[in-house]
Amino acid sequence: MWDYTEKILDHFRNPRNVGTIENPDGVGTVGSLACGDALTLMFKLGPDKRIAEVKFKTFGCASAIASSSALTEMVLGKTIEEAEQITNQQIADYLGGLPEQKMHCSVMGREALEAAIHNYRTGETVVRDLHDEKIICACFGVSEQEVLRVVRENNLTSVEQITNFCKAGGGCGQCKPDLQALLDQELADRQARKSAPRPERKLTNLQRIQMIQDVIEREIRPVLRRDQGDIELVDIDGPRVIIAFRGMCAGCQSAELTRSGLVEAKLRELVSSDIVVEEER
């Protein structure tokens, strides 16, 4: 029995936005019945160019249904540009976490959204042509590019995790040596990037603000949300970054460690080494 959160069970038992839309602006279909999971997602924009209606139909397990349902709630009211920033990890976080063996369901949701946005922008019904890609897992039709993408986006470190996130290696298993070779190369490249000295570059105020906001959104907020916490960027004054913790992080005994060990450390690593993070009092 999978260890499902109450939110997963709620979205599975009471899925939101199931069905179809007449004359949608964008439609995306990913997966296949042969592989056990398939999802069609469609949306319609309102006069303000925000997603006013979104529907889905899926074939799959409780995690697939819950992930699809959660995604539809997450994109409602967003612009196309805002919606396409949603990651599979954010879908999982919205549900309070997915079992790692079911993370491929959140990846499928992200890919369906990507396909629907691509359809809206181009009229094309596919995001990529697999004939132009090297298939690494024949059982599930997973390409080398797709494997590298989930490894990079989710910082994966094992072949087992790759299988959990995109199913590659979950069939006959003959591709596992190739998956391991891809993973070893990516881990080596990752280590080389970490070891390489990063030259400091002078940032404009606008560049600094944008980079700080981006790091908070991509690297810090998802970590805090896993424990029902959050962070608000209050102000930026040169190297001083003033933040406020929200949710379970507000008033937490570990807030000082989180401020210095996570927030300040990440901003110094990815933006500028002179950044000092202060918590609003």
C-alpha atoms as a PDB file:
ATOM      1  CA  MET A   1       0.000   0.000   0.000  1.00  0.00           C
ATOM      2  CA  TRP A   2       1.412   3.377  -1.008  1.00  0.00           C
ATOM      3  CA  ASP A   3       1.839   6.007   1.678  1.00  0.00           C
ATOM      4  CA  TYR A   4      -0.463   8.660   0.198  1.00  0.00           C
ATOM      5  CA  THR A   5      -1.076  12.023   1.822  1.00  0.00           C
ATOM      6  CA  GLU A   6      -4.619  13.123   2.607  1.00  0.00           C
ATOM      7  CA  LYS A   7      -4.398  15.678  -0.202  1.00  0.00           C
ATOM      8  CA  ILE A   8      -3.478  12.984  -2.744  1.00  0.00           C
ATOM      9  CA  LEU A   9      -6.415  10.868  -1.606  1.00  0.00           C
ATOM     10  CA  ASP A  10      -8.737  13.880  -1.787  1.00  0.00           C
ATOM     11  CA  HIS A  11      -7.725  14.704  -5.367  1.00  0.00           C
ATOM     12  CA  PHE A  12      -7.989  11.028  -6.306  1.00  0.00           C
ATOM     13  CA  ARG A  13     -11.439  10.536  -4.788  1.00  0.00           C
ATOM     14  CA  ASN A  14     -12.725  13.975  -5.784  1.00  0.00           C
ATOM     15  CA  PRO A  15     -10.727  14.986  -8.884  1.00  0.00           C
ATOM     16  CA  ARG A  16     -11.184  18.588  -9.991  1.00  0.00           C
ATOM     17  CA  ASN A  17     -11.773  19.769 -13.549  1.00  0.00           C
ATOM     18  CA  VAL A  18     -12.354  16.399 -15.196  1.00  0.00           C
ATOM     19  CA  GLY A  19     -13.737  16.423 -18.742  1.00  0.00           C
ATOM     20  CA  THR A  20     -13.261  18.270 -21.997  1.00  0.00           C
ATOM     21  CA  ILE A  21     -13.536  21.856 -23.256  1.00  0.00           C
ATOM     22  CA  GLU A  22     -15.290  22.829 -26.449  1.00  0.00           C
ATOM     23  CA  ASN A  23     -12.865  24.639 -28.771  1.00  0.00           C
ATOM     24  CA  PRO A  24      -9.934  24.773 -26.335  1.00  0.00           C
ATOM     25  CA  ASP A  25      -7.007  27.101 -26.957  1.00  0.00           C
ATOM     26  CA  GLY A  26      -4.452  24.412 -26.167  1.00  0.00           C
ATOM     27  CA  VAL A  27      -4.512  20.603 -25.945  1.00  0.00           C
ATOM     28  CA  GLY A  28      -1.719  18.228 -24.951  1.00  0.00           C
ATOM     29  CA  THR A  29      -1.664  14.435 -24.733  1.00  0.00           C
ATOM     30  CA  VAL A  30       1.217  12.427 -23.280  1.00  0.00           C
ATOM     31  CA  GLY A  31       1.812   8.813 -22.290  1.00  0.00           C
ATOM     32  CA  SER A  32       0.087   5.794 -23.747  1.00  0.00           C
ATOM     33  CA  LEU A  33      -2.345   3.127 -22.605  1.00  0.00           C
ATOM     34  CA  ALA A  34       0.246   0.490 -23.499  1.00  0.00           C
ATOM     35  CA  CYS A  35       2.619   1.977 -20.912  1.00  0.00           C
ATOM     36  CA  GLY A  36      -0.095   2.188 -18.256  1.00  0.00           C
ATOM     37  CA  ASP A  37      -0.491   5.981 -18.018  1.00  0.00           C
ATOM     38  CA  ALA A  38      -2.004   8.521 -20.399  1.00  0.00           C
ATOM     39  CA  LEU A  39      -3.119  12.106 -19.879  1.00  0.00           C
ATOM     40  CA  THR A  40      -4.896  14.683 -22.012  1.00  0.00           C
ATOM     41  CA  LEU A  41      -4.969  18.241 -20.698  1.00  0.00           C
ATOM     42  CA  MET A  42      -6.676  21.222 -22.323  1.00  0.00           C
ATOM     43  CA  PHE A  43      -7.222  24.859 -21.421  1.00  0.00           C
ATOM     44  CA  LYS A  44      -9.060  27.970 -22.561  1.00  0.00           C
ATOM     45  CA  LEU A  45      -7.925  31.537 -21.997  1.00  0.00           C
ATOM     46  CA  GLY A  46     -10.124  34.359 -20.784  1.00  0.00           C
ATOM     47  CA  PRO A  47     -10.240  37.918 -22.183  1.00  0.00           C
ATOM     48  CA  ASP A  48      -7.290  38.824 -19.909  1.00  0.00           C
ATOM     49  CA  LYS A  49      -5.178  36.054 -21.491  1.00  0.00           C
ATOM     50  CA  ARG A  50      -5.159  34.071 -18.267  1.00  0.00           C
ATOM     51  CA  ILE A  51      -6.215  30.434 -18.040  1.00  0.00           C
ATOM     52  CA  ALA A  52      -9.925  30.645 -17.308  1.00  0.00           C
ATOM     53  CA  GLU A  53     -10.826  26.985 -17.778  1.00  0.00           C
ATOM     54  CA  VAL A  54      -8.799  23.783 -17.708  1.00  0.00           C
ATOM     55  CA  LYS A  55      -9.905  20.161 -18.005  1.00  0.00           C
ATOM     56  CA  PHE A  56      -8.185  16.790 -18.037  1.00  0.00           C
ATOM     57  CA  LYS A  57      -8.850  13.131 -18.764  1.00  0.00           C
ATOM     58  CA  THR A  58      -6.372  10.560 -17.534  1.00  0.00           C
ATOM     59  CA  PHE A  59      -5.843   6.827 -17.423  1.00  0.00           C
ATOM     60  CA  GLY A  60      -3.652   5.678 -14.584  1.00  0.00           C
ATOM     61  CA  CYS A  61      -3.215   5.114 -10.885  1.00  0.00           C
ATOM     62  CA  ALA A  62      -4.297   7.248  -7.930  1.00  0.00           C
ATOM     63  CA  SER A  63      -1.104   9.312  -8.191  1.00  0.00           C
ATOM     64  CA  ALA A  64      -1.707  10.034 -11.885  1.00  0.00           C
ATOM     65  CA  ILE A  65      -5.267  11.179 -11.247  1.00  0.00           C
ATOM     66  CA  ALA A  66      -4.294  13.258  -8.208  1.00  0.00           C
ATOM     67  CA  SER A  67      -1.336  14.863 -10.003  1.00  0.00           C
ATOM     68  CA  SER A  68      -3.501  15.781 -12.990  1.00  0.00           C
ATOM     69  CA  SER A  69      -6.223  17.197 -10.761  1.00  0.00           C
ATOM     70  CA  ALA A  70      -3.711  19.215  -8.722  1.00  0.00           C
ATOM     71  CA  LEU A  71      -2.100  20.613 -11.855  1.00  0.00           C
ATOM     72  CA  THR A  72      -5.425  21.939 -13.129  1.00  0.00           C
ATOM     73  CA  GLU A  73      -5.941  23.791  -9.846  1.00  0.00           C
ATOM     74  CA  MET A  74      -2.417  25.196  -9.994  1.00  0.00           C
ATOM     75  CA  VAL A  75      -2.728  26.678 -13.496  1.00  0.00           C
ATOM     76  CA  LEU A  76      -6.148  28.305 -13.140  1.00  0.00           C
ATOM     77  CA  GLY A  77      -5.849  32.086 -13.289  1.00  0.00           C
ATOM     78  CA  LYS A  78      -2.251  32.026 -14.495  1.00  0.00           C
ATOM     79  CA  THR A  79      -0.842  33.460 -17.699  1.00  0.00           C
ATOM     80  CA  ILE A  80       0.762  31.058 -20.165  1.00  0.00           C
ATOM     81  CA  GLU A  81       4.188  32.320 -19.103  1.00  0.00           C
ATOM     82  CA  GLU A  82       3.399  31.729 -15.427  1.00  0.00           C
ATOM     83  CA  ALA A  83       1.931  28.279 -16.063  1.00  0.00           C
ATOM     84  CA  GLU A  84       4.937  27.025 -18.007  1.00  0.00           C
ATOM     85  CA  GLN A  85       7.176  27.733 -15.005  1.00  0.00           C
ATOM     86  CA  ILE A  86       5.422  25.012 -12.985  1.00  0.00           C
ATOM     87  CA  THR A  87       7.737  22.043 -12.356  1.00  0.00           C
ATOM     88  CA  ASN A  88       6.922  18.440 -11.614  1.00  0.00           C
ATOM     89  CA  GLN A  89       8.379  18.925  -8.114  1.00  0.00           C
ATOM     90  CA  GLN A  90       5.925  21.758  -7.474  1.00  0.00           C
ATOM     91  CA  ILE A  91       3.053  19.453  -8.454  1.00  0.00           C
ATOM     92  CA  ALA A  92       4.306  16.885  -5.958  1.00  0.00           C
ATOM     93  CA  ASP A  93       4.781  19.555  -3.279  1.00  0.00           C
ATOM     94  CA  TYR A  94       1.223  20.823  -3.866  1.00  0.00           C
ATOM     95  CA  LEU A  95      -0.011  17.338  -2.972  1.00  0.00           C
ATOM     96  CA  GLY A  96       2.134  17.172   0.153  1.00  0.00           C
ATOM     97  CA  GLY A  97       4.632  14.876  -1.549  1.00  0.00           C
ATOM     98  CA  LEU A  98       4.378  11.809  -3.781  1.00  0.00           C
ATOM     99  CA  PRO A  99       5.929   8.396  -3.152  1.00  0.00           C
ATOM    100  CA  GLU A 100       9.211   8.448  -5.061  1.00  0.00           C
ATOM    101  CA  GLN A 101       8.071   5.450  -7.114  1.00  0.00           C
ATOM    102  CA  LYS A 102       5.183   7.602  -8.346  1.00  0.00           C
ATOM    103  CA  MET A 103       7.076  10.767  -9.254  1.00  0.00           C
ATOM    104  CA  HIS A 104       6.663   9.914 -12.938  1.00  0.00           C
ATOM    105  CA  CYS A 105       3.000  10.929 -12.540  1.00  0.00           C
ATOM    106  CA  SER A 106       3.998  14.521 -11.742  1.00  0.00           C
ATOM    107  CA  VAL A 107       6.456  14.464 -14.659  1.00  0.00           C
ATOM    108  CA  MET A 108       3.624  13.325 -16.946  1.00  0.00           C
ATOM    109  CA  GLY A 109       1.509  16.261 -15.756  1.00  0.00           C
ATOM    110  CA  ARG A 110       4.281  18.747 -16.458  1.00  0.00           C
ATOM    111  CA  GLU A 111       4.794  17.251 -19.936  1.00  0.00           C
ATOM    112  CA  ALA A 112       1.064  17.408 -20.730  1.00  0.00           C
ATOM    113  CA  LEU A 113       0.991  21.089 -19.771  1.00  0.00           C
ATOM    114  CA  GLU A 114       4.077  21.701 -21.903  1.00  0.00           C
ATOM    115  CA  ALA A 115       2.405  19.931 -24.844  1.00  0.00           C
ATOM    116  CA  ALA A 116      -0.800  21.967 -24.439  1.00  0.00           C
ATOM    117  CA  ILE A 117       1.128  25.251 -24.366  1.00  0.00           C
ATOM    118  CA  HIS A 118       3.111  24.165 -27.421  1.00  0.00           C
ATOM    119  CA  ASN A 119      -0.167  23.384 -29.189  1.00  0.00           C
ATOM    120  CA  TYR A 120      -1.538  26.835 -28.259  1.00  0.00           C
ATOM    121  CA  ARG A 121       1.526  28.601 -29.614  1.00  0.00           C
ATOM    122  CA  THR A 122       2.114  26.605 -32.796  1.00  0.00           C
ATOM    123  CA  GLY A 123      -0.988  24.559 -33.584  1.00  0.00           C
ATOM    124  CA  GLU A 124       1.212  21.441 -33.512  1.00  0.00           C
ATOM    125  CA  THR A 125      -0.026  18.445 -31.562  1.00  0.00           C
ATOM    126  CA  VAL A 126       3.387  17.092 -30.502  1.00  0.00           C
ATOM    127  CA  VAL A 127       6.202  18.752 -28.588  1.00  0.00           C
ATOM    128  CA  ARG A 128       8.987  16.663 -30.067  1.00  0.00           C
ATOM    129  CA  ASP A 129       9.537  14.083 -32.785  1.00  0.00           C
ATOM    130  CA  LEU A 130      10.945  10.914 -31.232  1.00  0.00           C
ATOM    131  CA  HIS A 131      12.348   9.927 -34.611  1.00  0.00           C
ATOM    132  CA  ASP A 132      14.865  12.730 -34.119  1.00  0.00           C
ATOM    133  CA  GLU A 133      15.824  11.511 -30.649  1.00  0.00           C
ATOM    134  CA  LYS A 134      17.784   8.525 -29.404  1.00  0.00           C
ATOM    135  CA  ILE A 135      15.447   6.132 -27.595  1.00  0.00           C
ATOM    136  CA  ILE A 136      17.187   4.726 -24.557  1.00  0.00           C
ATOM    137  CA  CYS A 137      14.279   2.712 -23.099  1.00  0.00           C
ATOM    138  CA  ALA A 138      12.371   0.839 -25.793  1.00  0.00           C
ATOM    139  CA  CYS A 139       9.833  -0.578 -23.341  1.00  0.00           C
ATOM    140  CA  PHE A 140       8.436   2.857 -22.467  1.00  0.00           C
ATOM    141  CA  GLY A 141       9.669   4.933 -25.417  1.00  0.00           C
ATOM    142  CA  VAL A 142      11.861   7.187 -23.247  1.00  0.00           C
ATOM    143  CA  SER A 143      14.534   9.183 -25.064  1.00  0.00           C
ATOM    144  CA  GLU A 144      18.022  10.041 -23.906  1.00  0.00           C
ATOM    145  CA  GLN A 145      17.049  13.731 -23.810  1.00  0.00           C
ATOM    146  CA  GLU A 146      14.079  12.991 -21.545  1.00  0.00           C
ATOM    147  CA  VAL A 147      16.261  11.022 -19.129  1.00  0.00           C
ATOM    148  CA  LEU A 148      18.805  13.839 -18.943  1.00  0.00           C
ATOM    149  CA  ARG A 149      16.029  16.354 -18.403  1.00  0.00           C
ATOM    150  CA  VAL A 150      14.530  14.612 -15.364  1.00  0.00           C
ATOM    151  CA  VAL A 151      18.003  13.937 -13.951  1.00  0.00           C
ATOM    152  CA  ARG A 152      18.958  17.614 -14.212  1.00  0.00           C
ATOM    153  CA  GLU A 153      15.654  19.122 -13.098  1.00  0.00           C
ATOM    154  CA  ASN A 154      15.307  16.862 -10.070  1.00  0.00           C
ATOM    155  CA  ASN A 155      18.988  16.348  -9.147  1.00  0.00           C
ATOM    156  CA  LEU A 156      18.680  12.571  -9.431  1.00  0.00           C
ATOM    157  CA  THR A 157      21.599  10.398  -8.351  1.00  0.00           C
ATOM    158  CA  SER A 158      20.570   6.784  -9.055  1.00  0.00           C
ATOM    159  CA  VAL A 159      19.107   4.638 -11.837  1.00  0.00           C
ATOM    160  CA  GLU A 160      16.296   3.660  -9.478  1.00  0.00           C
ATOM    161  CA  GLN A 161      15.298   7.305  -9.193  1.00  0.00           C
ATOM    162  CA  ILE A 162      15.364   7.663 -12.981  1.00  0.00           C
ATOM    163  CA  THR A 163      12.901   4.761 -13.225  1.00  0.00           C
ATOM    164  CA  ASN A 164      10.678   6.368 -10.604  1.00  0.00           C
ATOM    165  CA  PHE A 165      10.605   9.689 -12.453  1.00  0.00           C
ATOM    166  CA  CYS A 166      10.203   8.600 -16.092  1.00  0.00           C
ATOM    167  CA  LYS A 167       9.805   4.772 -16.061  1.00  0.00           C
ATOM    168  CA  ALA A 168      13.007   4.202 -18.064  1.00  0.00           C
ATOM    169  CA  GLY A 169      14.489   0.893 -16.934  1.00  0.00           C
ATOM    170  CA  GLY A 170      11.214  -0.287 -15.440  1.00  0.00           C
ATOM    171  CA  GLY A 171      10.505  -2.898 -18.138  1.00  0.00           C
ATOM    172  CA  CYS A 172      12.989  -5.514 -19.319  1.00  0.00           C
ATOM    173  CA  GLY A 173      15.876  -3.666 -17.686  1.00  0.00           C
ATOM    174  CA  GLN A 174      18.242  -3.979 -20.627  1.00  0.00           C
ATOM    175  CA  CYS A 175      18.708  -0.205 -20.775  1.00  0.00           C
ATOM    176  CA  LYS A 176      19.941   0.093 -17.185  1.00  0.00           C
ATOM    177  CA  PRO A 177      23.666   0.026 -18.132  1.00  0.00           C
ATOM    178  CA  ASP A 178      23.012   2.851 -20.614  1.00  0.00           C
ATOM    179  CA  LEU A 179      21.079   4.768 -17.953  1.00  0.00           C
ATOM    180  CA  GLN A 180      23.956   4.311 -15.528  1.00  0.00           C
ATOM    181  CA  ALA A 181      26.442   5.578 -18.124  1.00  0.00           C
ATOM    182  CA  LEU A 182      24.310   8.670 -18.779  1.00  0.00           C
ATOM    183  CA  LEU A 183      23.949   9.260 -15.057  1.00  0.00           C
ATOM    184  CA  ASP A 184      27.681   8.840 -14.383  1.00  0.00           C
ATOM    185  CA  GLN A 185      28.508  11.410 -17.049  1.00  0.00           C
ATOM    186  CA  GLU A 186      25.926  13.869 -15.744  1.00  0.00           C
ATOM    187  CA  LEU A 187      27.154  13.454 -12.151  1.00  0.00           C
ATOM    188  CA  ALA A 188      30.739  14.010 -13.308  1.00  0.00           C
ATOM    189  CA  ASP A 189      29.689  17.149 -15.186  1.00  0.00           C
ATOM    190  CA  ARG A 190      27.735  18.314 -12.137  1.00  0.00           C
ATOM    191  CA  GLN A 191      30.766  17.895  -9.898  1.00  0.00           C
ATOM    192  CA  ALA A 192      32.979  19.701 -12.401  1.00  0.00           C
ATOM    193  CA  ARG A 193      30.578  22.636 -12.468  1.00  0.00           C
ATOM    194  CA  LYS A 194      30.618  22.812  -8.678  1.00  0.00           C
ATOM    195  CA  SER A 195      34.411  22.643  -8.527  1.00  0.00           C
ATOM    196  CA  ALA A 196      35.024  25.235 -11.218  1.00  0.00           C
ATOM    197  CA  PRO A 197      35.692  28.699  -9.785  1.00  0.00           C
ATOM    198  CA  ARG A 198      32.827  31.042 -10.540  1.00  0.00           C
ATOM    199  CA  PRO A 199      34.103  34.491 -11.443  1.00  0.00           C
ATOM    200  CA  GLU A 200      32.290  37.298  -9.731  1.00  0.00           C
ATOM    201  CA  ARG A 201      30.547  39.602 -12.148  1.00  0.00           C
ATOM    202  CA  LYS A 202      29.137  43.022 -11.515  1.00  0.00           C
ATOM    203  CA  LEU A 203      25.357  42.917 -11.467  1.00  0.00           C
ATOM    204  CA  THR A 204      22.983  45.742 -12.140  1.00  0.00           C
ATOM    205  CA  ASN A 205      20.309  46.300  -9.495  1.00  0.00           C
ATOM    206  CA  LEU A 206      17.692  44.808 -11.813  1.00  0.00           C
ATOM    207  CA  GLN A 207      19.819  41.729 -12.546  1.00  0.00           C
ATOM    208  CA  ARG A 208      20.467  41.177  -8.836  1.00  0.00           C
ATOM    209  CA  ILE A 209      16.764  41.447  -7.971  1.00  0.00           C
ATOM    210  CA  GLN A 210      15.738  39.093 -10.779  1.00  0.00           C
ATOM    211  CA  MET A 211      18.391  36.514  -9.843  1.00  0.00           C
ATOM    212  CA  ILE A 212      17.450  36.629  -6.156  1.00  0.00           C
ATOM    213  CA  GLN A 213      13.770  36.159  -6.975  1.00  0.00           C
ATOM    214  CA  ASP A 214      14.616  33.273  -9.315  1.00  0.00           C
ATOM    215  CA  VAL A 215      16.805  31.468  -6.755  1.00  0.00           C
ATOM    216  CA  ILE A 216      14.143  31.840  -4.071  1.00  0.00           C
ATOM    217  CA  GLU A 217      11.491  30.440  -6.413  1.00  0.00           C
ATOM    218  CA  ARG A 218      13.536  27.530  -7.789  1.00  0.00           C
ATOM    219  CA  GLU A 219      15.918  26.551  -5.006  1.00  0.00           C
ATOM    220  CA  ILE A 220      14.521  27.743  -1.676  1.00  0.00           C
ATOM    221  CA  ARG A 221      10.716  27.883  -1.694  1.00  0.00           C
ATOM    222  CA  PRO A 222      10.229  24.218  -2.789  1.00  0.00           C
ATOM    223  CA  VAL A 223      12.423  23.049   0.120  1.00  0.00           C
ATOM    224  CA  LEU A 224      10.416  25.048   2.668  1.00  0.00           C
ATOM    225  CA  ARG A 225       7.073  23.969   1.235  1.00  0.00           C
ATOM    226  CA  ARG A 226       7.918  20.315   1.805  1.00  0.00           C
ATOM    227  CA  ASP A 227       7.547  21.106   5.521  1.00  0.00           C
ATOM    228  CA  GLN A 228       4.505  23.384   5.038  1.00  0.00           C
ATOM    229  CA  GLY A 229       6.670  26.496   5.273  1.00  0.00           C
ATOM    230  CA  ASP A 230       7.228  29.403   2.914  1.00  0.00           C
ATOM    231  CA  ILE A 231       9.290  32.553   2.433  1.00  0.00           C
ATOM    232  CA  GLU A 232       8.503  36.132   1.428  1.00  0.00           C
ATOM    233  CA  LEU A 233      11.034  38.487  -0.131  1.00  0.00           C
ATOM    234  CA  VAL A 234      10.475  41.748   1.764  1.00  0.00           C
ATOM    235  CA  ASP A 235      13.181  44.051   0.403  1.00  0.00           C
ATOM    236  CA  ILE A 236      16.586  44.195  -1.286  1.00  0.00           C
ATOM    237  CA  ASP A 237      19.050  46.932  -0.354  1.00  0.00           C
ATOM    238  CA  GLY A 238      22.343  46.386  -2.169  1.00  0.00           C
ATOM    239  CA  PRO A 239      23.830  43.167  -0.720  1.00  0.00           C
ATOM    240  CA  ARG A 240      21.200  43.097   2.072  1.00  0.00           C
ATOM    241  CA  VAL A 241      18.280  40.767   1.393  1.00  0.00           C
ATOM    242  CA  ILE A 242      15.406  41.017   3.862  1.00  0.00           C
ATOM    243  CA  ILE A 243      13.047  38.066   4.078  1.00  0.00           C
ATOM    244  CA  ALA A 244      10.148  36.862   6.206  1.00  0.00           C
ATOM    245  CA  PHE A 245       9.340  33.230   6.915  1.00  0.00           C
ATOM    246  CA  ARG A 246       5.735  32.114   6.544  1.00  0.00           C
ATOM    247  CA  GLY A 247       3.701  29.037   7.369  1.00  0.00           C
ATOM    248  CA  MET A 248       5.382  26.484   9.622  1.00  0.00           C
ATOM    249  CA  CYS A 249       8.712  28.293   9.218  1.00  0.00           C
ATOM    250  CA  ALA A 250       7.428  31.409  10.994  1.00  0.00           C
ATOM    251  CA  GLY A 251       8.687  31.340  14.557  1.00  0.00           C
ATOM    252  CA  CYS A 252      10.327  27.929  14.089  1.00  0.00           C
ATOM    253  CA  GLN A 253      13.260  27.205  16.388  1.00  0.00           C
ATOM    254  CA  SER A 254      15.325  26.291  13.318  1.00  0.00           C
ATOM    255  CA  ALA A 255      14.554  29.570  11.506  1.00  0.00           C
ATOM    256  CA  GLU A 256      18.017  31.013  12.148  1.00  0.00           C
ATOM    257  CA  LEU A 257      19.687  27.889  10.744  1.00  0.00           C
ATOM    258  CA  THR A 258      17.361  27.976   7.749  1.00  0.00           C
ATOM    259  CA  ARG A 259      18.163  31.641   7.157  1.00  0.00           C
ATOM    260  CA  SER A 260      21.919  31.132   7.154  1.00  0.00           C
ATOM    261  CA  GLY A 261      22.284  27.509   6.055  1.00  0.00           C
ATOM    262  CA  LEU A 262      19.729  27.526   3.241  1.00  0.00           C
ATOM    263  CA  VAL A 263      18.617  31.008   2.179  1.00  0.00           C
ATOM    264  CA  GLU A 264      21.865  32.926   2.590  1.00  0.00           C
ATOM    265  CA  ALA A 265      24.025  30.004   1.437  1.00  0.00           C
ATOM    266  CA  LYS A 266      22.026  29.501  -1.772  1.00  0.00           C
ATOM    267  CA  LEU A 267      21.941  33.208  -2.621  1.00  0.00           C
ATOM    268  CA  ARG A 268      25.687  33.513  -2.030  1.00  0.00           C
ATOM    269  CA  GLU A 269      26.344  30.442  -4.161  1.00  0.00           C
ATOM    270  CA  LEU A 270      24.063  31.345  -7.076  1.00  0.00           C
ATOM    271  CA  VAL A 271      23.862  35.149  -7.057  1.00  0.00           C
ATOM    272  CA  SER A 272      26.699  36.948  -5.246  1.00  0.00           C
ATOM    273  CA  SER A 273      29.117  36.059  -2.451  1.00  0.00           C
ATOM    274  CA  ASP A 274      28.557  39.367  -0.633  1.00  0.00           C
ATOM    275  CA  ILE A 275      24.844  38.800   0.054  1.00  0.00           C
ATOM    276  CA  VAL A 276      23.694  39.059   3.673  1.00  0.00           C
ATOM    277  CA  VAL A 277      20.224  37.753   4.499  1.00  0.00           C
ATOM    278  CA  GLU A 278      18.271  39.292   7.347  1.00  0.00           C
ATOM    279  CA  GLU A 279      14.917  38.213   8.715  1.00  0.00           C
ATOM    280  CA  GLU A 280      12.267  40.886   9.147  1.00  0.00           C
ATOM    281  CA  ARG A 281      11.343  41.386  12.775  1.00  0.00           C
END
